[in-house]
Protein backbone atom coordinates (compact mmCIF):
# COMPACT_ATOMS: atom_id res chain seq x y z
CA UNK A 1 73.29 75.18 93.80
CA UNK A 2 70.16 77.80 94.50
CA UNK A 3 69.28 78.89 97.71
CA UNK A 4 66.51 78.34 99.47
CA UNK A 5 63.20 80.81 99.22
CA UNK A 6 63.09 82.98 101.91
CA UNK A 7 66.28 82.95 102.89
CA UNK A 8 69.04 85.78 102.16
CA UNK A 9 72.26 84.97 101.43
CA UNK A 10 75.33 86.91 103.16
CA UNK A 11 77.35 88.50 100.58
CA UNK A 12 81.08 88.29 100.95
CA UNK A 13 80.81 92.17 101.35
CA UNK A 14 78.89 91.18 104.65
CA UNK A 15 81.67 88.73 106.06
CA UNK A 16 84.39 91.03 105.50
CA UNK A 17 85.58 92.43 109.15
CA UNK A 18 85.47 95.58 109.58
CA UNK A 19 87.09 97.61 112.40
CA UNK A 20 84.97 99.34 115.14
CA UNK A 21 86.90 101.94 117.31
CA UNK A 22 86.56 103.03 120.48
CA UNK A 23 88.06 106.33 121.75
CA UNK A 24 88.93 108.71 124.46
CA UNK A 25 90.34 111.87 124.39
CA UNK A 26 92.01 114.63 126.88
CA UNK A 27 93.68 117.85 126.92
CA UNK A 28 95.60 119.76 129.01
CA UNK A 29 97.38 123.30 129.20
CA UNK A 30 99.81 121.77 131.59
CA UNK A 31 101.68 123.57 134.94
CA UNK A 32 104.01 125.67 132.65
CA UNK A 33 102.23 127.60 129.52
CA UNK A 34 99.62 130.53 129.95
CA UNK A 35 97.49 129.06 126.46
CA UNK A 36 96.89 125.57 125.38
CA UNK A 37 98.32 125.54 122.15
CA UNK A 38 97.71 121.83 120.94
CA UNK A 39 94.50 120.44 119.35
CA UNK A 40 92.92 117.04 118.47
CA UNK A 41 89.68 115.72 116.58
CA UNK A 42 88.07 112.67 116.96
CA UNK A 43 85.63 112.02 114.11
CA UNK A 44 84.15 108.45 114.14
CA UNK A 45 82.13 108.67 110.95
CA UNK A 46 84.74 109.27 109.21
CA UNK A 47 87.24 107.31 110.49
CA UNK A 48 89.65 110.41 111.35
CA UNK A 49 91.43 110.82 114.53
CA UNK A 50 94.26 113.39 114.50
CA UNK A 51 96.31 115.14 117.47
CA UNK A 52 98.49 118.84 116.21
CA UNK A 53 101.24 120.65 118.92
CA UNK A 54 101.01 124.15 117.40
CA UNK A 55 103.97 126.87 117.42
CA UNK A 56 105.36 130.31 117.05
CA UNK A 57 103.69 133.90 117.48
CA UNK A 58 101.66 135.37 119.43
CA UNK A 59 98.79 132.89 119.93
CA UNK A 60 99.65 131.73 116.72
CA UNK A 61 100.39 127.99 117.44
CA UNK A 62 96.68 127.72 118.64
CA UNK A 63 95.67 129.12 115.18
CA UNK A 64 97.85 126.75 113.24
CA UNK A 65 97.09 123.54 115.23
CA UNK A 66 93.41 124.74 114.85
CA UNK A 67 93.57 125.52 111.15
CA UNK A 68 95.07 122.24 110.18
CA UNK A 69 92.81 120.02 112.37
CA UNK A 70 89.94 122.02 110.75
CA UNK A 71 91.57 121.45 106.79
CA UNK A 72 92.17 117.65 107.01
CA UNK A 73 88.71 117.23 108.68
CA UNK A 74 87.38 119.13 105.53
CA UNK A 75 89.18 116.90 103.23
CA UNK A 76 88.81 113.86 104.65
CA UNK A 77 85.06 114.63 104.86
CA UNK A 78 84.67 115.80 100.88
CA UNK A 79 86.37 112.52 100.06
CA UNK A 80 83.70 109.90 102.42
CA UNK A 81 80.99 111.93 100.66
CA UNK A 82 82.42 111.59 97.07
CA UNK A 83 83.49 107.41 97.38
CA UNK A 84 86.51 108.17 95.58
CA UNK A 85 88.96 107.69 98.01
CA UNK A 86 88.73 104.04 99.20
CA UNK A 87 87.97 100.77 97.14
CA UNK A 88 85.40 98.25 98.82
CA UNK A 89 88.58 96.17 99.36
CA UNK A 90 92.22 97.34 100.73
CA UNK A 91 94.91 96.95 97.80
CA UNK A 92 98.47 98.30 97.21
CA UNK A 93 96.64 100.13 94.66
CA UNK A 94 94.08 102.13 97.15
CA UNK A 95 97.26 102.32 99.79
CA UNK A 96 99.02 104.72 97.63
CA UNK A 97 96.09 106.45 96.70
CA UNK A 98 95.24 107.25 100.10
CA UNK A 99 98.55 108.41 100.49
CA UNK A 100 99.04 110.77 98.10
CA UNK A 101 95.61 111.86 99.13
CA UNK A 102 97.04 113.06 102.47
CA UNK A 103 100.44 113.91 101.82
CA UNK A 104 98.66 116.84 99.31
CA UNK A 105 96.22 117.73 101.45
CA UNK A 106 98.64 118.31 104.70
CA UNK A 107 101.00 120.06 102.14
CA UNK A 108 98.05 122.39 100.82
CA UNK A 109 97.80 122.92 104.73
CA UNK A 110 100.76 123.53 105.47
CA UNK A 111 101.03 126.27 102.33
CA UNK A 112 97.80 128.23 103.45
CA UNK A 113 99.25 128.13 107.24
CA UNK A 114 102.14 130.13 105.95
CA UNK A 115 100.60 132.48 103.74
CA UNK A 116 98.10 133.65 106.62
CA UNK A 117 101.47 134.00 108.88
CA UNK A 118 102.82 136.43 106.01
CA UNK A 119 99.68 138.22 106.36
CA UNK A 120 99.25 138.65 110.00
CA UNK A 121 102.57 139.49 111.61
CA UNK A 122 100.93 138.71 115.30
CA UNK A 123 101.24 135.27 113.59
CA UNK A 124 104.79 135.02 112.16
CA UNK A 125 106.49 131.85 112.46
CA UNK A 126 103.51 129.90 113.95
CA UNK A 127 103.33 126.05 112.46
CA UNK A 128 102.40 123.28 114.31
CA UNK A 129 102.88 119.07 114.17
CA UNK A 130 100.35 116.84 112.68
CA UNK A 131 99.51 112.91 113.57
CA UNK A 132 96.96 111.89 111.87
CA UNK A 133 95.09 108.11 111.71
CA UNK A 134 92.60 107.15 109.17
CA UNK A 135 91.05 103.94 109.39
CA UNK A 136 89.05 101.91 106.70
CA UNK A 137 88.13 98.62 106.84
CA UNK A 138 90.58 96.33 108.46
CA UNK A 139 93.71 98.73 107.76
CA UNK A 140 94.44 102.31 109.46
CA UNK A 141 96.74 105.05 107.13
CA UNK A 142 98.78 107.36 108.65
CA UNK A 143 100.27 110.46 108.05
CA UNK A 144 102.67 112.56 110.56
CA UNK A 145 104.50 115.83 110.95
CA UNK A 146 106.80 117.14 113.66
CA UNK A 147 107.14 115.30 117.12
CA UNK A 148 103.80 113.98 118.21
CA UNK A 149 103.86 110.52 118.27
CA UNK A 150 101.39 107.40 117.17
CA UNK A 151 102.19 104.24 119.71
CA UNK A 152 100.62 101.43 119.06
CA UNK A 153 99.68 98.14 121.92
CA UNK A 154 99.05 94.80 120.46
CA UNK A 155 99.52 91.30 122.55
CA UNK A 156 101.22 93.10 125.28
CA UNK A 157 103.81 94.63 123.09
CA UNK A 158 104.07 98.43 122.84
CA UNK A 159 105.83 100.28 120.33
CA UNK A 160 106.25 103.98 118.88
CA UNK A 161 104.85 103.56 114.70
CA UNK A 162 106.08 106.97 113.78
CA UNK A 163 109.69 108.82 113.83
CA UNK A 164 110.07 112.19 115.57
CA UNK A 165 111.14 115.12 113.01
CA UNK A 166 113.62 116.50 115.88
CA UNK A 167 116.79 117.76 116.02
CA UNK A 168 117.62 115.10 119.03
CA UNK A 169 116.10 112.23 116.98
CA UNK A 170 118.41 113.25 114.41
CA UNK A 171 121.16 113.02 116.55
CA UNK A 172 120.77 110.07 118.01
CA UNK A 173 120.18 108.61 114.27
CA UNK A 174 123.89 109.79 113.67
CA UNK A 175 125.25 108.34 117.09
CA UNK A 176 126.14 111.66 118.49
CA UNK A 177 123.92 111.18 121.53
CA UNK A 178 121.77 108.58 123.09
CA UNK A 179 118.25 108.07 123.15
CA UNK A 180 118.82 109.14 127.16
CA UNK A 181 120.36 111.65 126.55
CA UNK A 182 118.22 112.92 123.90
CA UNK A 183 114.82 112.91 126.18
CA UNK A 184 117.07 115.08 128.59
CA UNK A 185 118.80 117.42 126.12
CA UNK A 186 117.59 120.96 126.18
CA UNK A 187 117.53 120.71 122.73
CA UNK A 188 114.76 118.21 122.58
CA UNK A 189 111.88 120.43 121.67
CA UNK A 190 113.69 121.45 118.27
CA UNK A 191 111.41 120.19 115.54
CA UNK A 192 113.21 119.86 112.17
CA UNK A 193 109.50 119.66 110.27
CA UNK A 194 106.73 121.20 111.05
CA UNK A 195 103.24 121.95 109.15
CA UNK A 196 103.25 125.99 108.17
CA UNK A 197 106.45 126.82 109.13
CA UNK A 198 107.44 126.86 105.70
CA UNK A 199 105.38 127.25 102.59
CA UNK A 200 106.36 123.00 101.85
CA UNK A 201 106.59 120.06 103.62
CA UNK A 202 106.00 116.44 103.18
CA UNK A 203 104.43 114.25 105.27
CA UNK A 204 105.72 110.43 106.39
CA UNK A 205 103.15 108.19 105.77
CA UNK A 206 102.51 104.48 106.77
CA UNK A 207 99.36 101.51 106.56
CA UNK A 208 99.00 99.59 109.31
CA UNK A 209 96.89 96.16 109.19
CA UNK A 210 94.05 96.62 112.20
CA UNK A 211 93.77 93.33 114.40
CA UNK A 212 90.99 92.64 116.86
CA UNK A 213 92.40 94.28 120.23
CA UNK A 214 94.96 97.17 119.11
CA UNK A 215 95.26 99.96 120.87
CA UNK A 216 96.81 102.96 119.50
CA UNK A 217 97.60 106.30 121.25
CA UNK A 218 98.10 109.37 119.36
CA UNK A 219 100.06 112.19 121.77
CA UNK A 220 102.08 115.19 121.48
CA UNK A 221 104.85 115.67 123.26
CA UNK A 222 103.51 117.24 126.32
CA UNK A 223 103.08 113.66 127.13
CA UNK A 224 105.48 111.81 125.31
CA UNK A 225 108.32 114.15 127.06
CA UNK A 226 107.16 114.03 130.70
CA UNK A 227 106.12 110.40 130.84
CA UNK A 228 108.91 107.62 129.55
CA UNK A 229 106.99 105.08 127.40
CA UNK A 230 107.61 102.13 130.03
CA UNK A 231 105.09 103.88 132.12
CA UNK A 232 102.70 104.77 129.57
CA UNK A 233 102.69 101.25 128.02
CA UNK A 234 102.02 100.46 131.73
CA UNK A 235 98.99 102.51 132.39
CA UNK A 236 97.37 101.38 128.71
CA UNK A 237 97.87 97.48 130.21
CA UNK A 238 96.94 98.30 133.81
CA UNK A 239 93.81 101.24 133.86
CA UNK A 240 90.39 100.76 131.75
CA UNK A 241 90.92 102.49 128.44
CA UNK A 242 88.12 105.32 129.71
CA UNK A 243 90.43 106.58 132.22
CA UNK A 244 93.57 106.66 131.08
CA UNK A 245 93.23 110.14 129.32
CA UNK A 246 92.71 111.41 132.38
CA UNK A 247 95.71 109.08 134.54
CA UNK A 248 98.37 110.07 131.64
CA UNK A 249 97.30 113.63 132.06
CA UNK A 250 98.34 113.65 135.65
CA UNK A 251 101.48 111.27 134.79
CA UNK A 252 102.70 113.95 132.77
CA UNK A 253 101.97 116.65 135.17
CA UNK A 254 103.82 115.09 137.87
CA UNK A 255 106.54 114.54 135.52
CA UNK A 256 106.61 118.38 135.28
CA UNK A 257 103.95 119.60 133.17
CA UNK A 258 106.00 121.76 130.82
CA UNK A 259 103.98 121.77 127.48
CA UNK A 260 100.45 121.44 126.65
CA UNK A 261 99.43 117.95 127.09
CA UNK A 262 96.89 116.13 124.43
CA UNK A 263 96.29 112.78 123.39
CA UNK A 264 93.89 110.15 121.55
CA UNK A 265 93.36 106.06 122.71
CA UNK A 266 91.44 104.17 120.26
CA UNK A 267 90.42 100.73 120.75
CA UNK A 268 90.04 98.21 117.89
CA UNK A 269 87.10 95.77 117.75
CA UNK A 270 86.81 93.83 114.49
CA UNK A 271 83.15 93.19 113.66
CA UNK A 272 81.66 91.41 110.50
CA UNK A 273 79.24 93.92 110.06
CA UNK A 274 79.23 96.12 106.70
CA UNK A 275 81.28 99.68 107.07
CA UNK A 276 79.33 102.25 107.91
CA UNK A 277 77.45 104.38 105.90
CA UNK A 278 79.38 107.17 103.75
CA UNK A 279 79.92 110.06 105.71
CA UNK A 280 77.30 112.83 105.20
CA UNK A 281 77.50 116.34 107.24
């Protein structure tokens, strides 16, 4: 059957729901540290959001986290420009390609930071965590190294989606320590995997379907080690999301403020509109 003259038919692509993401973020030095060595990135045009918690060396942590953020941002921008990273519709093949890309970018970034620390003695031993959320269409692709976290609030249910690369988490999995003991352990800040501390690192990856109303939280351990998951969830459920970053920072300080505090809050709305135009710069 032919369409009527003068009426434009909608393409199937026009009808595919695409995620539109609102975001709010905060970072704070906390109460015990002299400098803030966390970094974060919010790039809606790229669908890219990440948190990095730097450590090691004289101001090396801040250098490492900034290097990681910039390197990932540049790589995703180049991939978005080229159009080679994503197909129009998500598929298993696409997920594999995106995962390979993210793992490669993070491995190369780790090698670059490691080399920088070798060339500059004052930065020796620097590294950073990295938790990355890359949205495209109806899915998000996550890459993760260290003990920064990604949480999701969906239909009232709150869950941690990433696994901490930490000594205490390994002890919990092995049955040598309870989760409560891990939270109170003096070894809770020792991580077993980071970007830049060694020349090679492999990121964990995860593909997530996005649903209307999903809320995601990326955060450094300056929040998660000071505020319980239950309290974080209650805050995200109760407050206007635009107010939640400042309120969560305040809770972390009330809990002791032992570390830098950084968080990014995302809210997903699904729309039938066409996807955003390809990023240009």
